[in-house]
Amino acid sequence: MHNYLDFEKPISDLEGKIHELKKLASEDESIDTSEEVGRLESRVREAMVDIYSKLNAWQKTQVARHPQRPHFVDYASTLFTEFTPLAGDRQFSEDAAIQAGFARFRGQPVALIGQEKGNDTKSRLKHNFGSARPEGYRKAIRILEMADRFQLPVITLVDTAGAYPGVGAEERGQAEAIARSTEMCLGVKVPIVSIVIGEGGSGGAIAIAVGNRVYMLEHSIYSVISPEGAASILWRDSTRAKEAATNMKITADDLKSLGVIDGIISEPVGGAHRDPNAVISAAGETIANALAELSSRSGEQLRNDRRQKFLNIGRNL
């Protein structure tokens, strides 16, 4: 069964009826519910198309945070082979919120970095809900350095509400680690392709998202702060998160129109969690096309183009 969002109640009601009819038919073979089930399934498809064609920014935020949405581990296991994660930053400890290592993408060796939120209580605690500490970003720096040394393209998958703001993280230089990771992304002479697969929150996201090509899934979000955080600062009222989300322009459509991202990857009707394989496959095609486009450029071109890309954001508004 799906975890339904508050605006999906019409879908929830219809699918609940379908479940009851199928259960009834399974318990009594003399009862034929196929015609009614087919009619209700058609209504579900119509309801999903209608609802998802007009989502507002806050509703997209809820979809981006959906607990059943595919995470880094799903993309890593489906799109990549021979993924070998590397642990530790060689300074303090391992941080499980950022997963990083080397893999093959359609036979090509690549470096792979991303945030993992976890999909149940145990894994969410292990990965700290995708909010990395400084050692996570220093691990990313280590992988970026190795990718640059061995001339390997870098793929980053972004999904975090933001870097971990705890006292220990601040004591160990959270801001400095994020800044140096961002600097390293700007400096390497290999292609970087970044995809926001869920939430792209603040510096915690940009630290690994400074790519030659940056894409977002259709119902993902990308922002300098969470809607709740913005509402708390602007109005001292976190319940105005919906209003903040609308004003912040955090959706893929908003950011494409502002020139912050390069493209949008379509999601199945009902969100990525409805058909994870389809959206992961679409992300794979986007990565392949981007790498093919960038493969003919020299290291200096890649680095200069990346720097200029981010310097140009906001200049032509």
Protein backbone atom coordinates (compact mmCIF):
# COMPACT_ATOMS: atom_id res chain seq x y z
CA MET A 1 0.00 0.00 0.00
CA HIS A 2 1.10 3.52 -0.74
CA ASN A 3 1.70 6.26 1.81
CA TYR A 4 -0.79 8.88 0.68
CA LEU A 5 -0.16 12.60 0.91
CA ASP A 6 -2.93 14.85 2.22
CA PHE A 7 -3.90 16.12 -1.25
CA GLU A 8 -4.15 12.54 -2.56
CA LYS A 9 -7.32 11.68 -0.60
CA PRO A 10 -9.47 11.16 -3.74
CA ILE A 11 -6.88 8.68 -5.00
CA SER A 12 -6.65 7.02 -1.59
CA ASP A 13 -10.42 6.56 -1.41
CA LEU A 14 -10.62 5.01 -4.88
CA GLU A 15 -7.66 2.68 -4.38
CA GLY A 16 -9.10 1.64 -1.03
CA LYS A 17 -12.29 0.54 -2.79
CA ILE A 18 -10.25 -1.34 -5.41
CA HIS A 19 -8.37 -3.17 -2.66
CA GLU A 20 -11.63 -4.15 -0.94
CA LEU A 21 -13.14 -5.44 -4.21
CA LYS A 22 -10.06 -7.51 -5.05
CA LYS A 23 -10.04 -8.94 -1.55
CA LEU A 24 -13.73 -9.82 -1.84
CA ALA A 25 -13.17 -11.56 -5.17
CA SER A 26 -10.22 -13.54 -3.79
CA GLU A 27 -12.32 -14.77 -0.86
CA ASP A 28 -15.32 -15.76 -3.01
CA GLU A 29 -14.53 -16.92 -6.55
CA SER A 30 -18.20 -16.70 -7.54
CA ILE A 31 -18.06 -12.90 -7.27
CA ASP A 32 -16.75 -11.11 -10.37
CA THR A 33 -15.51 -7.62 -9.55
CA SER A 34 -13.31 -7.15 -12.63
CA GLU A 35 -15.63 -4.70 -14.37
CA GLU A 36 -16.01 -2.47 -11.32
CA VAL A 37 -12.27 -2.67 -10.58
CA GLY A 38 -11.49 -1.63 -14.14
CA ARG A 39 -13.86 1.32 -13.86
CA LEU A 40 -12.32 2.44 -10.56
CA GLU A 41 -8.76 2.04 -11.91
CA SER A 42 -9.69 4.31 -14.80
CA ARG A 43 -10.99 6.88 -12.32
CA VAL A 44 -7.73 6.59 -10.35
CA ARG A 45 -5.68 7.36 -13.47
CA GLU A 46 -7.89 10.33 -14.26
CA ALA A 47 -7.66 11.63 -10.70
CA MET A 48 -3.86 11.31 -10.66
CA VAL A 49 -3.49 13.14 -13.97
CA ASP A 50 -5.78 15.91 -12.74
CA ILE A 51 -4.12 16.30 -9.34
CA TYR A 52 -0.50 16.03 -10.50
CA SER A 53 -0.99 18.40 -13.44
CA LYS A 54 -1.61 21.32 -11.07
CA LEU A 55 0.55 20.73 -8.00
CA ASN A 56 1.60 23.86 -6.15
CA ALA A 57 5.09 24.38 -4.70
CA TRP A 58 4.16 23.05 -1.26
CA GLN A 59 2.57 19.93 -2.70
CA LYS A 60 5.69 19.33 -4.79
CA THR A 61 7.72 19.67 -1.59
CA GLN A 62 5.63 16.89 -0.06
CA VAL A 63 6.15 14.67 -3.11
CA ALA A 64 9.92 15.35 -3.02
CA ARG A 65 9.94 14.13 0.60
CA HIS A 66 7.73 11.09 0.03
CA PRO A 67 9.10 8.18 2.10
CA GLN A 68 8.68 5.73 -0.79
CA ARG A 69 10.49 7.92 -3.31
CA PRO A 70 13.57 6.15 -4.78
CA HIS A 71 16.77 7.12 -2.99
CA PHE A 72 20.47 7.10 -3.82
CA VAL A 73 20.82 3.36 -3.13
CA ASP A 74 18.09 2.60 -5.67
CA TYR A 75 19.81 4.59 -8.41
CA ALA A 76 23.23 3.18 -7.50
CA SER A 77 22.06 -0.43 -7.65
CA THR A 78 20.06 0.00 -10.88
CA LEU A 79 22.12 2.37 -13.05
CA PHE A 80 25.63 1.45 -11.96
CA THR A 81 27.66 -1.73 -11.74
CA GLU A 82 30.66 -2.58 -9.59
CA PHE A 83 29.87 0.28 -7.22
CA THR A 84 32.59 0.33 -4.59
CA PRO A 85 31.79 2.81 -1.79
CA LEU A 86 34.75 4.26 0.07
CA ALA A 87 34.46 5.19 3.75
CA GLY A 88 35.95 7.91 5.89
CA ASP A 89 37.49 11.31 5.33
CA ARG A 90 40.99 10.34 6.57
CA GLN A 91 40.66 12.99 9.27
CA PHE A 92 37.88 12.13 11.71
CA SER A 93 35.40 9.40 10.83
CA GLU A 94 32.93 7.93 8.39
CA ASP A 95 29.69 9.77 7.60
CA ALA A 96 26.94 7.56 6.19
CA ALA A 97 24.74 10.43 4.97
CA ILE A 98 27.01 10.86 1.95
CA GLN A 99 27.74 7.74 -0.06
CA ALA A 100 30.74 8.04 -2.38
CA GLY A 101 32.97 5.77 -4.38
CA PHE A 102 33.63 4.42 -7.85
CA ALA A 103 31.47 2.46 -10.26
CA ARG A 104 30.80 1.74 -13.90
CA PHE A 105 28.04 3.52 -15.78
CA ARG A 106 27.21 1.55 -18.92
CA GLY A 107 30.72 0.20 -18.86
CA GLN A 108 32.41 3.55 -18.31
CA PRO A 109 34.33 4.08 -15.04
CA VAL A 110 32.90 7.00 -13.03
CA ALA A 111 32.97 8.51 -9.57
CA LEU A 112 29.60 8.43 -7.82
CA ILE A 113 28.61 10.69 -4.91
CA GLY A 114 25.21 11.22 -3.33
CA GLN A 115 23.14 11.64 -0.20
CA GLU A 116 21.20 8.70 1.21
CA LYS A 117 18.24 9.36 3.54
CA GLY A 118 17.32 5.77 4.37
CA ASN A 119 13.94 4.10 3.93
CA ASP A 120 13.05 2.84 7.42
CA THR A 121 13.76 3.89 10.98
CA LYS A 122 17.00 1.92 11.28
CA SER A 123 18.48 3.09 7.97
CA ARG A 124 17.33 6.67 8.47
CA LEU A 125 19.16 6.83 11.78
CA LYS A 126 22.23 5.22 10.21
CA HIS A 127 22.28 7.79 7.39
CA ASN A 128 21.20 10.66 9.65
CA PHE A 129 18.21 11.33 7.36
CA GLY A 130 20.59 12.40 4.59
CA SER A 131 22.02 15.33 6.55
CA ALA A 132 25.80 15.07 6.35
CA ARG A 133 28.38 16.13 8.91
CA PRO A 134 31.72 17.73 7.87
CA GLU A 135 33.40 14.37 7.42
CA GLY A 136 30.82 13.51 4.77
CA TYR A 137 31.82 16.50 2.68
CA ARG A 138 35.51 15.82 3.27
CA LYS A 139 34.91 12.28 2.01
CA ALA A 140 33.29 13.79 -1.10
CA ILE A 141 36.37 16.01 -1.54
CA ARG A 142 38.58 12.92 -1.35
CA ILE A 143 36.57 11.19 -4.10
CA LEU A 144 36.59 14.33 -6.27
CA GLU A 145 40.37 14.58 -5.94
CA MET A 146 40.76 10.96 -7.01
CA ALA A 147 38.34 11.41 -9.92
CA ASP A 148 40.36 14.39 -11.10
CA ARG A 149 43.63 12.50 -10.76
CA PHE A 150 42.38 9.49 -12.73
CA GLN A 151 40.25 11.53 -15.18
CA LEU A 152 36.92 9.97 -14.28
CA PRO A 153 33.56 11.71 -14.85
CA VAL A 154 31.64 12.50 -11.66
CA ILE A 155 27.94 11.75 -11.14
CA THR A 156 26.26 13.30 -8.10
CA LEU A 157 22.75 12.51 -6.84
CA VAL A 158 21.41 15.17 -4.50
CA ASP A 159 18.80 14.42 -1.84
CA THR A 160 19.13 16.24 1.46
CA ALA A 161 17.13 18.68 3.56
CA GLY A 162 20.47 20.31 4.38
CA ALA A 163 23.75 19.68 6.14
CA TYR A 164 23.53 18.56 9.78
CA PRO A 165 23.44 21.67 12.04
CA GLY A 166 24.50 20.00 15.30
CA VAL A 167 27.06 21.41 17.71
CA GLY A 168 29.61 18.71 16.95
CA ALA A 169 29.34 19.33 13.22
CA GLU A 170 29.86 23.05 13.73
CA GLU A 171 32.82 22.41 16.01
CA ARG A 172 34.45 20.28 13.33
CA GLY A 173 34.04 22.95 10.64
CA GLN A 174 30.77 22.30 8.84
CA ALA A 175 30.80 25.56 6.87
CA GLU A 176 34.44 25.16 5.90
CA ALA A 177 33.87 21.58 4.71
CA ILE A 178 30.91 22.65 2.56
CA ALA A 179 32.88 25.55 1.10
CA ARG A 180 35.86 23.34 0.26
CA SER A 181 33.64 20.71 -1.34
CA THR A 182 32.01 23.42 -3.47
CA GLU A 183 35.47 24.74 -4.36
CA MET A 184 36.64 21.27 -5.34
CA CYS A 185 33.62 20.80 -7.62
CA LEU A 186 34.49 24.08 -9.33
CA GLY A 187 38.14 23.14 -9.72
CA VAL A 188 38.24 19.60 -11.12
CA LYS A 189 38.96 19.09 -14.82
CA VAL A 190 36.48 16.28 -15.41
CA PRO A 191 32.76 16.36 -16.31
CA ILE A 192 30.33 16.63 -13.40
CA VAL A 193 26.67 15.73 -13.92
CA SER A 194 24.35 16.44 -10.99
CA ILE A 195 20.73 15.41 -10.49
CA VAL A 196 18.44 16.57 -7.67
CA ILE A 197 16.41 13.41 -7.06
CA GLY A 198 14.43 14.64 -4.03
CA GLU A 199 15.31 17.60 -1.85
CA GLY A 200 18.18 19.92 -2.69
CA GLY A 201 18.56 21.81 0.55
CA SER A 202 20.94 24.74 1.03
CA GLY A 203 24.73 24.39 1.18
CA GLY A 204 24.32 20.73 2.02
CA ALA A 205 23.13 20.24 -1.56
CA ILE A 206 25.27 22.73 -3.47
CA ALA A 207 28.42 21.21 -1.95
CA ILE A 208 28.11 18.30 -4.40
CA ALA A 209 25.85 19.89 -7.02
CA VAL A 210 28.21 22.30 -8.77
CA GLY A 211 28.05 20.46 -12.07
CA ASN A 212 28.61 21.13 -15.75
CA ARG A 213 25.06 19.94 -16.12
CA VAL A 214 22.49 20.15 -13.31
CA TYR A 215 19.09 18.48 -13.63
CA MET A 216 16.07 18.05 -11.39
CA LEU A 217 13.37 15.43 -11.26
CA GLU A 218 9.99 16.95 -12.09
CA HIS A 219 8.70 16.93 -8.50
CA SER A 220 11.96 17.59 -6.68
CA ILE A 221 12.82 20.90 -4.98
CA TYR A 222 16.02 22.95 -4.75
CA SER A 223 16.36 25.87 -2.36
CA VAL A 224 18.64 27.88 -0.11
CA ILE A 225 16.58 26.87 2.94
CA SER A 226 13.58 24.68 3.68
CA PRO A 227 10.12 26.29 3.40
CA GLU A 228 9.63 25.73 7.14
CA GLY A 229 12.96 27.42 7.92
CA ALA A 230 12.19 30.36 5.67
CA ALA A 231 8.76 30.83 7.26
CA SER A 232 10.30 30.73 10.73
CA ILE A 233 12.81 33.45 9.80
CA LEU A 234 10.53 35.69 7.74
CA TRP A 235 7.33 35.49 9.78
CA ARG A 236 8.39 33.62 12.94
CA ASP A 237 5.71 31.12 12.03
CA SER A 238 6.70 27.75 10.53
CA THR A 239 3.06 27.00 9.69
CA ARG A 240 3.36 29.47 6.81
CA ALA A 241 5.67 27.03 5.00
CA LYS A 242 3.23 26.74 2.09
CA GLU A 243 3.38 30.49 1.52
CA ALA A 244 7.17 30.45 1.77
CA ALA A 245 7.47 27.58 -0.72
CA THR A 246 5.44 29.52 -3.27
CA ASN A 247 7.49 32.70 -2.89
CA MET A 248 10.88 30.97 -2.87
CA LYS A 249 10.57 29.53 -6.41
CA ILE A 250 11.89 26.10 -5.45
CA THR A 251 10.30 23.86 -8.08
CA ALA A 252 11.99 22.44 -11.16
CA ASP A 253 9.87 24.62 -13.47
CA ASP A 254 10.79 27.75 -11.50
CA LEU A 255 14.50 26.99 -11.48
CA LYS A 256 14.60 26.04 -15.15
CA SER A 257 12.99 29.36 -16.06
CA LEU A 258 15.53 31.19 -13.86
CA GLY A 259 18.46 29.40 -15.52
CA VAL A 260 19.59 27.68 -12.32
CA ILE A 261 19.26 24.17 -13.78
CA ASP A 262 19.77 22.77 -17.26
CA GLY A 263 16.81 20.45 -17.57
CA ILE A 264 13.91 18.60 -15.98
CA ILE A 265 13.53 14.82 -15.87
CA SER A 266 9.87 13.80 -16.13
CA GLU A 267 8.34 11.64 -13.43
CA PRO A 268 5.53 9.09 -13.83
CA VAL A 269 2.04 10.39 -13.11
CA GLY A 270 1.69 10.22 -9.34
CA GLY A 271 5.38 10.85 -8.64
CA ALA A 272 8.61 8.85 -8.80
CA HIS A 273 7.46 6.51 -6.03
CA ARG A 274 4.66 5.18 -8.25
CA ASP A 275 7.13 3.80 -10.82
CA PRO A 276 10.71 3.96 -9.55
CA ASN A 277 12.13 1.94 -12.45
CA ALA A 278 10.77 4.37 -15.02
CA VAL A 279 12.22 7.48 -13.36
CA ILE A 280 15.57 5.79 -12.65
CA SER A 281 15.76 4.75 -16.32
CA ALA A 282 14.96 8.32 -17.42
CA ALA A 283 17.71 9.64 -15.13
CA GLY A 284 20.12 7.15 -16.68
CA GLU A 285 19.34 8.40 -20.18
CA THR A 286 19.88 11.99 -19.05
CA ILE A 287 23.25 11.12 -17.52
CA ALA A 288 24.32 9.25 -20.66
CA ASN A 289 23.37 12.13 -22.94
CA ALA A 290 25.13 14.68 -20.74
CA LEU A 291 28.35 12.64 -20.57
CA ALA A 292 28.31 12.14 -24.34
CA GLU A 293 27.91 15.90 -24.86
CA LEU A 294 30.73 16.76 -22.46
CA SER A 295 33.17 14.04 -23.51
CA SER A 296 34.74 16.05 -26.33
CA ARG A 297 35.72 18.98 -24.09
CA SER A 298 39.15 19.44 -22.59
CA GLY A 299 39.73 19.61 -18.85
CA GLU A 300 40.30 23.35 -18.99
CA GLN A 301 37.08 23.85 -20.98
CA LEU A 302 35.09 21.78 -18.52
CA ARG A 303 36.41 23.72 -15.53
CA ASN A 304 36.00 27.13 -17.17
CA ASP A 305 32.51 26.35 -18.48
CA ARG A 306 31.43 25.16 -15.03
CA ARG A 307 32.72 28.28 -13.31
CA GLN A 308 31.13 30.56 -15.89
CA LYS A 309 27.85 28.69 -15.67
CA PHE A 310 27.50 29.51 -11.99
CA LEU A 311 28.78 33.08 -12.37
CA ASN A 312 26.07 33.70 -14.96
CA ILE A 313 23.18 32.63 -12.72
CA GLY A 314 20.99 35.64 -12.00
CA ARG A 315 22.75 38.00 -14.40
CA ASN A 316 20.12 37.93 -17.14
CA LEU A 317 16.96 38.19 -15.03
